[in-house]
Amino acid sequence: MDLGLTGRTALVTGGSKGIGYAVAELLRREGANVAILARDAAQLEAAAQRLRDEVYGSGEVLPVPADLKDPEQAEAAVARIADRFGTLHIVVNNAGPILQGGKVEGSDDRKWMETFDVKTMGMLRIARAAVPHFPADGTGRVVNVAGISGRSLLPDASASGMANAAIFALTSYLSKELSGKRVRVNCVSPGLIRTDAWVANAQRLGAEQGIDGEQFMTNMADRLGVRCDGWADPSDVADAVAFLVSDRAGYITGQVLAVDGGLADFVV
C-alpha cells in the first residue's frame, strides 16, 4: 500500500535506536526525507549512516543532535530541518526515558521532573517549534509516542504514567488547536516493546531473580495479561505511526491508538 509519503519531510525524535529508529527506517522506505534527533551525536551519526547504507529510500537522511530539555536547542533543531528541506510535514515525538519505576510515596522530585522535562515538555517544545513550518495543504502531521502506563496501571510506574497521561492530554488539546491549520495530531501508545534497552533491562532484572532475560520478559507479559504473543517488535509501533502520518489517516485526529497486545483493559 502506497502511503503517499514520497518527498515529504519527517522529524523523528529519539530516532537513533528502538522505536524511533524503526519509525525512521519505515518512513525512509516510504520515500520520505528523514531527520533523526537525539542527544548522543556519535550514536546519532551511526544510526543515520545505517539508514543510508541499509535502508532503500529516495529521501535524504539528516542527523540533528539536540537536548530537548533545552528549549533553544529544540527550536534550533526544528529550524535547521525546515531550512534544509524547505518545509516540515511530519513530526514523530518519540524521545523519552525507558519506563520509570518507583512509588509515589517516598519518591524523589528530581526523577519526576527529569521524566516530565525530557518526555512531556520535550514533545511540547518540538511541536510548538514545528507549527510555523507546517504547510497549509493539510499534510501536516504530529504523532506523539506515549506508553500505555498513562492509561493502564502498571506496577510502580507512577512517574512514567503521569508523564504519558499528560502527553495524551497534550495530543487532545493540540489536535483541537491545530485543526484550523489542517494539522492532524494523534498519539500511539505502545505496551511491551522488545527494544534493545528493554532487553538489557530484562537481563539485569532477571539476573536478580535467578532467571534469564527471556524468561523474565515472558513472565512479565503473562503477569500483565498481554493477550497477543508476548512482546512486540519496534516495527509494530512503526507501522501504526506510518499509517497515522499518511493520507490514509487524513480524517483521524485527537486519538490515542494503543499498540499493546491487549494489555490495557477498556470497556469502551
Foldseek 3Di string as FASTA:
>chain_A
DQLPAAAAEEEFEVLLFFLNVLLQLVSQLNHYAYEYEEADPVSQVVSLVCSVPPGDHNHHYHYQYFQLLDLVRLLVSLVVRCVVSVAHQEYEQEDFDDQDFADPPPDDVVVLVRRLSRRVSSLVSNVVSRVVRHDQPLLHEYEYEAAPLLPAPDHRRVSSNVSRVSVLVVQQVVQVVCVVSNYAGEYEHEAAEPIPVQLVVLQVVQVVVVHGSVVSQVVVCVVLPQQDDGHHYSNLSSVVVSCCSGCVVSPDHSYYHYPYNCSGDDPD
